[in-house]
Amino acid sequence: EYKATYKEEPYTVRYSVIGEESRGGKPLQWVELRM
């Protein structure tokens, strides 16, 4: 989780990996960004 300021506007930004699955034999991840 991050404290962020963009053009003088404050945000709380959180990155997370919330899940995994495979499609076509390729491993994939569900990545979430919450602002």
PDB file of all heavy atoms in Angstrom:
ATOM      1  N   GLU A   1       0.846  -1.200   0.000  1.00  0.00           N
ATOM      2  CA  GLU A   1       0.000   0.000   0.000  1.00  0.00           C
ATOM      3  C   GLU A   1       0.880   1.248   0.000  1.00  0.00           C
ATOM      4  O   GLU A   1       1.915   1.308   0.676  1.00  0.00           O
ATOM      5  CB  GLU A   1      -0.932  -0.004   1.205  1.00  0.00           C
ATOM      6  CG  GLU A   1      -2.006   1.069   1.145  1.00  0.00           C
ATOM      7  CD  GLU A   1      -3.145   0.806   2.118  1.00  0.00           C
ATOM      8  OE1 GLU A   1      -3.948  -0.119   1.848  1.00  0.00           O
ATOM      9  OE2 GLU A   1      -3.216   1.500   3.142  1.00  0.00           O
ATOM     10  N   TYR A   2       0.438   2.261  -0.741  1.00  0.00           N
ATOM     11  CA  TYR A   2       1.225   3.465  -0.932  1.00  0.00           C
ATOM     12  C   TYR A   2       0.405   4.730  -0.651  1.00  0.00           C
ATOM     13  O   TYR A   2      -0.801   4.766  -0.890  1.00  0.00           O
ATOM     14  CB  TYR A   2       1.732   3.546  -2.381  1.00  0.00           C
ATOM     15  CG  TYR A   2       2.652   2.429  -2.761  1.00  0.00           C
ATOM     16  CD1 TYR A   2       2.145   1.214  -3.230  1.00  0.00           C
ATOM     17  CD2 TYR A   2       4.030   2.561  -2.642  1.00  0.00           C
ATOM     18  CE1 TYR A   2       2.990   0.176  -3.575  1.00  0.00           C
ATOM     19  CE2 TYR A   2       4.887   1.529  -2.991  1.00  0.00           C
ATOM     20  CZ  TYR A   2       4.365   0.343  -3.452  1.00  0.00           C
ATOM     21  OH  TYR A   2       5.194  -0.685  -3.786  1.00  0.00           O
ATOM     22  N   LYS A   3       1.107   5.726  -0.167  1.00  0.00           N
ATOM     23  CA  LYS A   3       0.563   7.086  -0.114  1.00  0.00           C
ATOM     24  C   LYS A   3       1.021   7.775  -1.382  1.00  0.00           C
ATOM     25  O   LYS A   3       2.221   7.846  -1.670  1.00  0.00           O
ATOM     26  CB  LYS A   3       1.090   7.815   1.121  1.00  0.00           C
ATOM     27  CG  LYS A   3       0.686   9.268   1.219  1.00  0.00           C
ATOM     28  CD  LYS A   3       1.209   9.903   2.503  1.00  0.00           C
ATOM     29  CE  LYS A   3       2.724   9.995   2.505  1.00  0.00           C
ATOM     30  NZ  LYS A   3       3.259  10.687   3.699  1.00  0.00           N
ATOM     31  N   ALA A   4       0.080   8.277  -2.163  1.00  0.00           N
ATOM     32  CA  ALA A   4       0.422   8.844  -3.461  1.00  0.00           C
ATOM     33  C   ALA A   4      -0.200  10.229  -3.629  1.00  0.00           C
ATOM     34  O   ALA A   4      -1.303  10.498  -3.149  1.00  0.00           O
ATOM     35  CB  ALA A   4      -0.058   7.926  -4.582  1.00  0.00           C
ATOM     36  N   THR A   5       0.518  11.076  -4.330  1.00  0.00           N
ATOM     37  CA  THR A   5      -0.005  12.385  -4.712  1.00  0.00           C
ATOM     38  C   THR A   5       0.196  12.531  -6.207  1.00  0.00           C
ATOM     39  O   THR A   5       1.311  12.334  -6.719  1.00  0.00           O
ATOM     40  CB  THR A   5       0.735  13.520  -3.980  1.00  0.00           C
ATOM     41  OG1 THR A   5       0.631  13.321  -2.574  1.00  0.00           O
ATOM     42  CG2 THR A   5       0.134  14.872  -4.337  1.00  0.00           C
ATOM     43  N   TYR A   6      -0.887  12.857  -6.901  1.00  0.00           N
ATOM     44  CA  TYR A   6      -0.825  13.046  -8.344  1.00  0.00           C
ATOM     45  C   TYR A   6      -1.470  14.384  -8.675  1.00  0.00           C
ATOM     46  O   TYR A   6      -2.654  14.597  -8.413  1.00  0.00           O
ATOM     47  CB  TYR A   6      -1.552  11.909  -9.068  1.00  0.00           C
ATOM     48  CG  TYR A   6      -1.623  12.072 -10.567  1.00  0.00           C
ATOM     49  CD1 TYR A   6      -0.466  12.105 -11.339  1.00  0.00           C
ATOM     50  CD2 TYR A   6      -2.846  12.192 -11.218  1.00  0.00           C
ATOM     51  CE1 TYR A   6      -0.524  12.264 -12.708  1.00  0.00           C
ATOM     52  CE2 TYR A   6      -2.913  12.341 -12.588  1.00  0.00           C
ATOM     53  CZ  TYR A   6      -1.753  12.382 -13.336  1.00  0.00           C
ATOM     54  OH  TYR A   6      -1.813  12.536 -14.699  1.00  0.00           O
ATOM     55  N   LYS A   7      -0.664  15.318  -9.191  1.00  0.00           N
ATOM     56  CA  LYS A   7      -1.134  16.669  -9.491  1.00  0.00           C
ATOM     57  C   LYS A   7      -1.826  17.291  -8.285  1.00  0.00           C
ATOM     58  O   LYS A   7      -2.925  17.823  -8.374  1.00  0.00           O
ATOM     59  CB  LYS A   7      -2.048  16.658 -10.717  1.00  0.00           C
ATOM     60  CG  LYS A   7      -1.320  16.302 -12.003  1.00  0.00           C
ATOM     61  CD  LYS A   7      -2.222  16.423 -13.216  1.00  0.00           C
ATOM     62  CE  LYS A   7      -1.428  16.118 -14.494  1.00  0.00           C
ATOM     63  NZ  LYS A   7      -2.288  16.205 -15.705  1.00  0.00           N
ATOM     64  N   GLU A   8      -1.169  17.154  -7.114  1.00  0.00           N
ATOM     65  CA  GLU A   8      -1.588  17.732  -5.838  1.00  0.00           C
ATOM     66  C   GLU A   8      -2.825  17.073  -5.236  1.00  0.00           C
ATOM     67  O   GLU A   8      -3.324  17.518  -4.207  1.00  0.00           O
ATOM     68  CB  GLU A   8      -1.812  19.241  -5.966  1.00  0.00           C
ATOM     69  CG  GLU A   8      -0.563  20.007  -6.407  1.00  0.00           C
ATOM     70  CD  GLU A   8      -0.765  21.499  -6.408  1.00  0.00           C
ATOM     71  OE1 GLU A   8      -1.911  21.957  -6.213  1.00  0.00           O
ATOM     72  OE2 GLU A   8       0.232  22.223  -6.622  1.00  0.00           O
ATOM     73  N   GLU A   9      -3.325  16.017  -5.847  1.00  0.00           N
ATOM     74  CA  GLU A   9      -4.453  15.279  -5.283  1.00  0.00           C
ATOM     75  C   GLU A   9      -3.924  14.046  -4.545  1.00  0.00           C
ATOM     76  O   GLU A   9      -3.176  13.262  -5.115  1.00  0.00           O
ATOM     77  CB  GLU A   9      -5.445  14.854  -6.364  1.00  0.00           C
ATOM     78  CG  GLU A   9      -6.180  16.009  -7.014  1.00  0.00           C
ATOM     79  CD  GLU A   9      -7.299  15.524  -7.922  1.00  0.00           C
ATOM     80  OE1 GLU A   9      -7.892  14.467  -7.622  1.00  0.00           O
ATOM     81  OE2 GLU A   9      -7.575  16.196  -8.926  1.00  0.00           O
ATOM     82  N   PRO A  10      -4.323  13.848  -3.271  1.00  0.00           N
ATOM     83  CA  PRO A  10      -3.827  12.691  -2.500  1.00  0.00           C
ATOM     84  C   PRO A  10      -4.643  11.426  -2.777  1.00  0.00           C
ATOM     85  O   PRO A  10      -5.863  11.482  -2.938  1.00  0.00           O
ATOM     86  CB  PRO A  10      -4.002  13.150  -1.055  1.00  0.00           C
ATOM     87  CG  PRO A  10      -5.188  14.075  -1.101  1.00  0.00           C
ATOM     88  CD  PRO A  10      -5.122  14.771  -2.441  1.00  0.00           C
ATOM     89  N   TYR A  11      -3.959  10.306  -2.801  1.00  0.00           N
ATOM     90  CA  TYR A  11      -4.595   9.005  -2.998  1.00  0.00           C
ATOM     91  C   TYR A  11      -3.936   7.978  -2.087  1.00  0.00           C
ATOM     92  O   TYR A  11      -2.763   8.105  -1.718  1.00  0.00           O
ATOM     93  CB  TYR A  11      -4.443   8.521  -4.448  1.00  0.00           C
ATOM     94  CG  TYR A  11      -5.190   9.321  -5.477  1.00  0.00           C
ATOM     95  CD1 TYR A  11      -4.604  10.417  -6.084  1.00  0.00           C
ATOM     96  CD2 TYR A  11      -6.483   8.970  -5.844  1.00  0.00           C
ATOM     97  CE1 TYR A  11      -5.290  11.159  -7.038  1.00  0.00           C
ATOM     98  CE2 TYR A  11      -7.182   9.701  -6.796  1.00  0.00           C
ATOM     99  CZ  TYR A  11      -6.577  10.802  -7.395  1.00  0.00           C
ATOM    100  OH  TYR A  11      -7.256  11.529  -8.329  1.00  0.00           O
ATOM    101  N   THR A  12      -4.703   6.948  -1.733  1.00  0.00           N
ATOM    102  CA  THR A  12      -4.138   5.730  -1.159  1.00  0.00           C
ATOM    103  C   THR A  12      -4.210   4.676  -2.250  1.00  0.00           C
ATOM    104  O   THR A  12      -5.281   4.408  -2.804  1.00  0.00           O
ATOM    105  CB  THR A  12      -4.927   5.266   0.077  1.00  0.00           C
ATOM    106  OG1 THR A  12      -4.842   6.275   1.087  1.00  0.00           O
ATOM    107  CG2 THR A  12      -4.360   3.971   0.618  1.00  0.00           C
ATOM    108  N   VAL A  13      -3.076   4.105  -2.567  1.00  0.00           N
ATOM    109  CA  VAL A  13      -2.983   3.151  -3.674  1.00  0.00           C
ATOM    110  C   VAL A  13      -2.517   1.810  -3.131  1.00  0.00           C
ATOM    111  O   VAL A  13      -1.522   1.746  -2.410  1.00  0.00           O
ATOM    112  CB  VAL A  13      -1.992   3.649  -4.750  1.00  0.00           C
ATOM    113  CG1 VAL A  13      -1.912   2.659  -5.903  1.00  0.00           C
ATOM    114  CG2 VAL A  13      -2.403   5.031  -5.250  1.00  0.00           C
ATOM    115  N   ARG A  14      -3.233   0.766  -3.453  1.00  0.00           N
ATOM    116  CA  ARG A  14      -2.863  -0.573  -2.980  1.00  0.00           C
ATOM    117  C   ARG A  14      -2.801  -1.538  -4.149  1.00  0.00           C
ATOM    118  O   ARG A  14      -3.764  -1.704  -4.891  1.00  0.00           O
ATOM    119  CB  ARG A  14      -3.871  -1.069  -1.948  1.00  0.00           C
ATOM    120  CG  ARG A  14      -3.618  -2.505  -1.488  1.00  0.00           C
ATOM    121  CD  ARG A  14      -4.448  -2.820  -0.265  1.00  0.00           C
ATOM    122  NE  ARG A  14      -4.633  -4.244  -0.091  1.00  0.00           N
ATOM    123  CZ  ARG A  14      -4.804  -4.848   1.071  1.00  0.00           C
ATOM    124  NH1 ARG A  14      -4.823  -4.131   2.178  1.00  0.00           N
ATOM    125  NH2 ARG A  14      -4.975  -6.138   1.157  1.00  0.00           N
ATOM    126  N   TYR A  15      -1.638  -2.174  -4.312  1.00  0.00           N
ATOM    127  CA  TYR A  15      -1.447  -3.244  -5.279  1.00  0.00           C
ATOM    128  C   TYR A  15      -1.562  -4.579  -4.550  1.00  0.00           C
ATOM    129  O   TYR A  15      -1.069  -4.719  -3.433  1.00  0.00           O
ATOM    130  CB  TYR A  15      -0.044  -3.192  -5.886  1.00  0.00           C
ATOM    131  CG  TYR A  15       0.301  -1.998  -6.724  1.00  0.00           C
ATOM    132  CD1 TYR A  15       1.000  -0.918  -6.169  1.00  0.00           C
ATOM    133  CD2 TYR A  15      -0.019  -1.952  -8.067  1.00  0.00           C
ATOM    134  CE1 TYR A  15       1.363   0.172  -6.940  1.00  0.00           C
ATOM    135  CE2 TYR A  15       0.344  -0.862  -8.850  1.00  0.00           C
ATOM    136  CZ  TYR A  15       1.032   0.194  -8.277  1.00  0.00           C
ATOM    137  OH  TYR A  15       1.397   1.272  -9.045  1.00  0.00           O
ATOM    138  N   SER A  16      -2.168  -5.571  -5.191  1.00  0.00           N
ATOM    139  CA  SER A  16      -2.223  -6.901  -4.591  1.00  0.00           C
ATOM    140  C   SER A  16      -2.407  -7.967  -5.664  1.00  0.00           C
ATOM    141  O   SER A  16      -2.890  -7.684  -6.763  1.00  0.00           O
ATOM    142  CB  SER A  16      -3.368  -6.991  -3.562  1.00  0.00           C
ATOM    143  OG  SER A  16      -4.617  -6.673  -4.159  1.00  0.00           O
ATOM    144  N   VAL A  17      -1.982  -9.180  -5.327  1.00  0.00           N
ATOM    145  CA  VAL A  17      -2.261 -10.336  -6.176  1.00  0.00           C
ATOM    146  C   VAL A  17      -3.366 -11.122  -5.496  1.00  0.00           C
ATOM    147  O   VAL A  17      -3.177 -11.651  -4.399  1.00  0.00           O
ATOM    148  CB  VAL A  17      -1.009 -11.209  -6.376  1.00  0.00           C
ATOM    149  CG1 VAL A  17      -1.354 -12.449  -7.197  1.00  0.00           C
ATOM    150  CG2 VAL A  17       0.087 -10.417  -7.082  1.00  0.00           C
ATOM    151  N   ILE A  18      -4.536 -11.183  -6.124  1.00  0.00           N
ATOM    152  CA  ILE A  18      -5.720 -11.723  -5.456  1.00  0.00           C
ATOM    153  C   ILE A  18      -6.133 -13.098  -5.961  1.00  0.00           C
ATOM    154  O   ILE A  18      -7.085 -13.688  -5.443  1.00  0.00           O
ATOM    155  CB  ILE A  18      -6.906 -10.744  -5.589  1.00  0.00           C
ATOM    156  CG1 ILE A  18      -7.214 -10.477  -7.068  1.00  0.00           C
ATOM    157  CG2 ILE A  18      -6.601  -9.439  -4.849  1.00  0.00           C
ATOM    158  CD1 ILE A  18      -8.480  -9.661  -7.297  1.00  0.00           C
ATOM    159  N   GLY A  19      -5.454 -13.626  -6.960  1.00  0.00           N
ATOM    160  CA  GLY A  19      -5.836 -14.936  -7.457  1.00  0.00           C
ATOM    161  C   GLY A  19      -4.920 -15.414  -8.566  1.00  0.00           C
ATOM    162  O   GLY A  19      -4.115 -14.645  -9.100  1.00  0.00           O
ATOM    163  N   GLU A  20      -5.052 -16.688  -8.887  1.00  0.00           N
ATOM    164  CA  GLU A  20      -4.274 -17.308  -9.957  1.00  0.00           C
ATOM    165  C   GLU A  20      -5.177 -18.237 -10.754  1.00  0.00           C
ATOM    166  O   GLU A  20      -6.113 -18.825 -10.222  1.00  0.00           O
ATOM    167  CB  GLU A  20      -3.099 -18.113  -9.380  1.00  0.00           C
ATOM    168  CG  GLU A  20      -2.080 -17.286  -8.618  1.00  0.00           C
ATOM    169  CD  GLU A  20      -0.994 -18.150  -7.993  1.00  0.00           C
ATOM    170  OE1 GLU A  20      -1.225 -19.376  -7.859  1.00  0.00           O
ATOM    171  OE2 GLU A  20       0.071 -17.614  -7.649  1.00  0.00           O
ATOM    172  N   GLU A  21      -4.896 -18.356 -12.050  1.00  0.00           N
ATOM    173  CA  GLU A  21      -5.586 -19.344 -12.874  1.00  0.00           C
ATOM    174  C   GLU A  21      -4.755 -19.599 -14.121  1.00  0.00           C
ATOM    175  O   GLU A  21      -3.772 -18.891 -14.386  1.00  0.00           O
ATOM    176  CB  GLU A  21      -7.005 -18.894 -13.227  1.00  0.00           C
ATOM    177  CG  GLU A  21      -7.116 -17.647 -14.068  1.00  0.00           C
ATOM    178  CD  GLU A  21      -8.571 -17.324 -14.396  1.00  0.00           C
ATOM    179  OE1 GLU A  21      -9.230 -16.672 -13.564  1.00  0.00           O
ATOM    180  OE2 GLU A  21      -9.025 -17.733 -15.478  1.00  0.00           O
ATOM    181  N   SER A  22      -5.138 -20.611 -14.869  1.00  0.00           N
ATOM    182  CA  SER A  22      -4.416 -20.974 -16.074  1.00  0.00           C
ATOM    183  C   SER A  22      -5.370 -20.944 -17.265  1.00  0.00           C
ATOM    184  O   SER A  22      -6.503 -21.423 -17.165  1.00  0.00           O
ATOM    185  CB  SER A  22      -3.814 -22.379 -15.930  1.00  0.00           C
ATOM    186  OG  SER A  22      -3.163 -22.773 -17.111  1.00  0.00           O
ATOM    187  N   ARG A  23      -4.907 -20.372 -18.372  1.00  0.00           N
ATOM    188  CA  ARG A  23      -5.689 -20.353 -19.597  1.00  0.00           C
ATOM    189  C   ARG A  23      -4.784 -20.749 -20.749  1.00  0.00           C
ATOM    190  O   ARG A  23      -3.717 -20.166 -20.932  1.00  0.00           O
ATOM    191  CB  ARG A  23      -6.291 -18.964 -19.850  1.00  0.00           C
ATOM    192  CG  ARG A  23      -7.350 -18.579 -18.837  1.00  0.00           C
ATOM    193  CD  ARG A  23      -8.108 -17.332 -19.241  1.00  0.00           C
ATOM    194  NE  ARG A  23      -9.110 -16.988 -18.249  1.00  0.00           N
ATOM    195  CZ  ARG A  23      -9.948 -15.958 -18.365  1.00  0.00           C
ATOM    196  NH1 ARG A  23      -9.902 -15.174 -19.439  1.00  0.00           N
ATOM    197  NH2 ARG A  23     -10.828 -15.702 -17.408  1.00  0.00           N
ATOM    198  N   GLY A  24      -5.215 -21.736 -21.494  1.00  0.00           N
ATOM    199  CA  GLY A  24      -4.399 -22.212 -22.596  1.00  0.00           C
ATOM    200  C   GLY A  24      -3.073 -22.774 -22.147  1.00  0.00           C
ATOM    201  O   GLY A  24      -2.080 -22.714 -22.877  1.00  0.00           O
ATOM    202  N   GLY A  25      -3.042 -23.301 -20.928  1.00  0.00           N
ATOM    203  CA  GLY A  25      -1.823 -23.865 -20.392  1.00  0.00           C
ATOM    204  C   GLY A  25      -0.842 -22.839 -19.868  1.00  0.00           C
ATOM    205  O   GLY A  25       0.258 -23.196 -19.440  1.00  0.00           O
ATOM    206  N   LYS A  26      -1.219 -21.560 -19.864  1.00  0.00           N
ATOM    207  CA  LYS A  26      -0.317 -20.510 -19.400  1.00  0.00           C
ATOM    208  C   LYS A  26      -0.764 -20.006 -18.036  1.00  0.00           C
ATOM    209  O   LYS A  26      -1.933 -19.638 -17.859  1.00  0.00           O
ATOM    210  CB  LYS A  26      -0.294 -19.351 -20.397  1.00  0.00           C
ATOM    211  CG  LYS A  26       0.721 -18.271 -20.037  1.00  0.00           C
ATOM    212  CD  LYS A  26       0.866 -17.250 -21.146  1.00  0.00           C
ATOM    213  CE  LYS A  26       1.965 -16.250 -20.816  1.00  0.00           C
ATOM    214  NZ  LYS A  26       2.192 -15.287 -21.925  1.00  0.00           N
ATOM    215  N   PRO A  27       0.133 -19.975 -17.035  1.00  0.00           N
ATOM    216  CA  PRO A  27      -0.247 -19.470 -15.715  1.00  0.00           C
ATOM    217  C   PRO A  27      -0.463 -17.966 -15.735  1.00  0.00           C
ATOM    218  O   PRO A  27       0.320 -17.220 -16.324  1.00  0.00           O
ATOM    219  CB  PRO A  27       0.949 -19.845 -14.837  1.00  0.00           C
ATOM    220  CG  PRO A  27       2.095 -19.938 -15.779  1.00  0.00           C
ATOM    221  CD  PRO A  27       1.531 -20.435 -17.075  1.00  0.00           C
ATOM    222  N   LEU A  28      -1.535 -17.524 -15.086  1.00  0.00           N
ATOM    223  CA  LEU A  28      -1.890 -16.112 -15.044  1.00  0.00           C
ATOM    224  C   LEU A  28      -2.210 -15.709 -13.607  1.00  0.00           C
ATOM    225  O   LEU A  28      -2.534 -16.546 -12.771  1.00  0.00           O
ATOM    226  CB  LEU A  28      -3.103 -15.830 -15.936  1.00  0.00           C
ATOM    227  CG  LEU A  28      -2.971 -16.219 -17.414  1.00  0.00           C
ATOM    228  CD1 LEU A  28      -4.335 -16.164 -18.090  1.00  0.00           C
ATOM    229  CD2 LEU A  28      -1.985 -15.304 -18.123  1.00  0.00           C
ATOM    230  N   GLN A  29      -2.121 -14.414 -13.333  1.00  0.00           N
ATOM    231  CA  GLN A  29      -2.428 -13.892 -12.013  1.00  0.00           C
ATOM    232  C   GLN A  29      -3.454 -12.767 -12.111  1.00  0.00           C
ATOM    233  O   GLN A  29      -3.417 -11.960 -13.047  1.00  0.00           O
ATOM    234  CB  GLN A  29      -1.165 -13.351 -11.338  1.00  0.00           C
ATOM    235  CG  GLN A  29      -0.156 -14.414 -10.946  1.00  0.00           C
ATOM    236  CD  GLN A  29       1.088 -13.791 -10.348  1.00  0.00           C
ATOM    237  OE1 GLN A  29       1.768 -12.995 -10.982  1.00  0.00           O
ATOM    238  NE2 GLN A  29       1.394 -14.130  -9.108  1.00  0.00           N
ATOM    239  N   TRP A  30      -4.345 -12.739 -11.113  1.00  0.00           N
ATOM    240  CA  TRP A  30      -5.257 -11.611 -10.979  1.00  0.00           C
ATOM    241  C   TRP A  30      -4.564 -10.557 -10.110  1.00  0.00           C
ATOM    242  O   TRP A  30      -4.292 -10.793  -8.943  1.00  0.00           O
ATOM    243  CB  TRP A  30      -6.567 -12.041 -10.330  1.00  0.00           C
ATOM    244  CG  TRP A  30      -7.557 -12.622 -11.286  1.00  0.00           C
ATOM    245  CD1 TRP A  30      -7.880 -13.938 -11.448  1.00  0.00           C
ATOM    246  CD2 TRP A  30      -8.363 -11.889 -12.220  1.00  0.00           C
ATOM    247  NE1 TRP A  30      -8.834 -14.082 -12.423  1.00  0.00           N
ATOM    248  CE2 TRP A  30      -9.155 -12.834 -12.918  1.00  0.00           C
ATOM    249  CE3 TRP A  30      -8.496 -10.537 -12.536  1.00  0.00           C
ATOM    250  CZ2 TRP A  30     -10.061 -12.464 -13.910  1.00  0.00           C
ATOM    251  CZ3 TRP A  30      -9.395 -10.160 -13.530  1.00  0.00           C
ATOM    252  CH2 TRP A  30     -10.166 -11.119 -14.202  1.00  0.00           C
ATOM    253  N   VAL A  31      -4.267  -9.424 -10.710  1.00  0.00           N
ATOM    254  CA  VAL A  31      -3.606  -8.331 -10.006  1.00  0.00           C
ATOM    255  C   VAL A  31      -4.599  -7.190  -9.825  1.00  0.00           C
ATOM    256  O   VAL A  31      -5.282  -6.787 -10.778  1.00  0.00           O
ATOM    257  CB  VAL A  31      -2.372  -7.837 -10.794  1.00  0.00           C
ATOM    258  CG1 VAL A  31      -1.708  -6.671 -10.075  1.00  0.00           C
ATOM    259  CG2 VAL A  31      -1.383  -8.974 -10.968  1.00  0.00           C
ATOM    260  N   GLU A  32      -4.701  -6.705  -8.603  1.00  0.00           N
ATOM    261  CA  GLU A  32      -5.666  -5.641  -8.290  1.00  0.00           C
ATOM    262  C   GLU A  32      -4.944  -4.347  -7.935  1.00  0.00           C
ATOM    263  O   GLU A  32      -3.955  -4.350  -7.213  1.00  0.00           O
ATOM    264  CB  GLU A  32      -6.568  -6.061  -7.134  1.00  0.00           C
ATOM    265  CG  GLU A  32      -7.572  -4.977  -6.733  1.00  0.00           C
ATOM    266  CD  GLU A  32      -8.453  -5.374  -5.563  1.00  0.00           C
ATOM    267  OE1 GLU A  32      -9.385  -6.172  -5.787  1.00  0.00           O
ATOM    268  OE2 GLU A  32      -8.190  -4.903  -4.433  1.00  0.00           O
ATOM    269  N   LEU A  33      -5.465  -3.258  -8.440  1.00  0.00           N
ATOM    270  CA  LEU A  33      -5.037  -1.930  -8.041  1.00  0.00           C
ATOM    271  C   LEU A  33      -6.250  -1.199  -7.492  1.00  0.00           C
ATOM    272  O   LEU A  33      -7.257  -1.030  -8.188  1.00  0.00           O
ATOM    273  CB  LEU A  33      -4.474  -1.160  -9.232  1.00  0.00           C
ATOM    274  CG  LEU A  33      -4.158   0.317  -9.004  1.00  0.00           C
ATOM    275  CD1 LEU A  33      -3.141   0.494  -7.880  1.00  0.00           C
ATOM    276  CD2 LEU A  33      -3.650   0.966 -10.273  1.00  0.00           C
ATOM    277  N   ARG A  34      -6.165  -0.797  -6.234  1.00  0.00           N
ATOM    278  CA  ARG A  34      -7.267  -0.063  -5.588  1.00  0.00           C
ATOM    279  C   ARG A  34      -6.792   1.347  -5.268  1.00  0.00           C
ATOM    280  O   ARG A  34      -5.775   1.524  -4.600  1.00  0.00           O
ATOM    281  CB  ARG A  34      -7.711  -0.782  -4.318  1.00  0.00           C
ATOM    282  CG  ARG A  34      -8.944  -0.169  -3.666  1.00  0.00           C
ATOM    283  CD  ARG A  34      -9.360  -0.986  -2.452  1.00  0.00           C
ATOM    284  NE  ARG A  34      -8.420  -0.813  -1.354  1.00  0.00           N
ATOM    285  CZ  ARG A  34      -8.309  -1.677  -0.339  1.00  0.00           C
ATOM    286  NH1 ARG A  34      -9.028  -2.788  -0.325  1.00  0.00           N
ATOM    287  NH2 ARG A  34      -7.458  -1.454   0.642  1.00  0.00           N
ATOM    288  N   MET A  35      -7.522   2.331  -5.743  1.00  0.00           N
ATOM    289  CA  MET A  35      -7.180   3.732  -5.509  1.00  0.00           C
ATOM    290  C   MET A  35      -8.312   4.421  -4.766  1.00  0.00           C
ATOM    291  O   MET A  35      -9.471   4.342  -5.186  1.00  0.00           O
ATOM    292  CB  MET A  35      -6.935   4.462  -6.837  1.00  0.00           C
ATOM    293  CG  MET A  35      -5.773   3.928  -7.635  1.00  0.00           C
ATOM    294  SD  MET A  35      -5.604   4.745  -9.246  1.00  0.00           S
ATOM    295  CE  MET A  35      -5.491   6.454  -8.755  1.00  0.00           C
TER     296      MET A  35
END
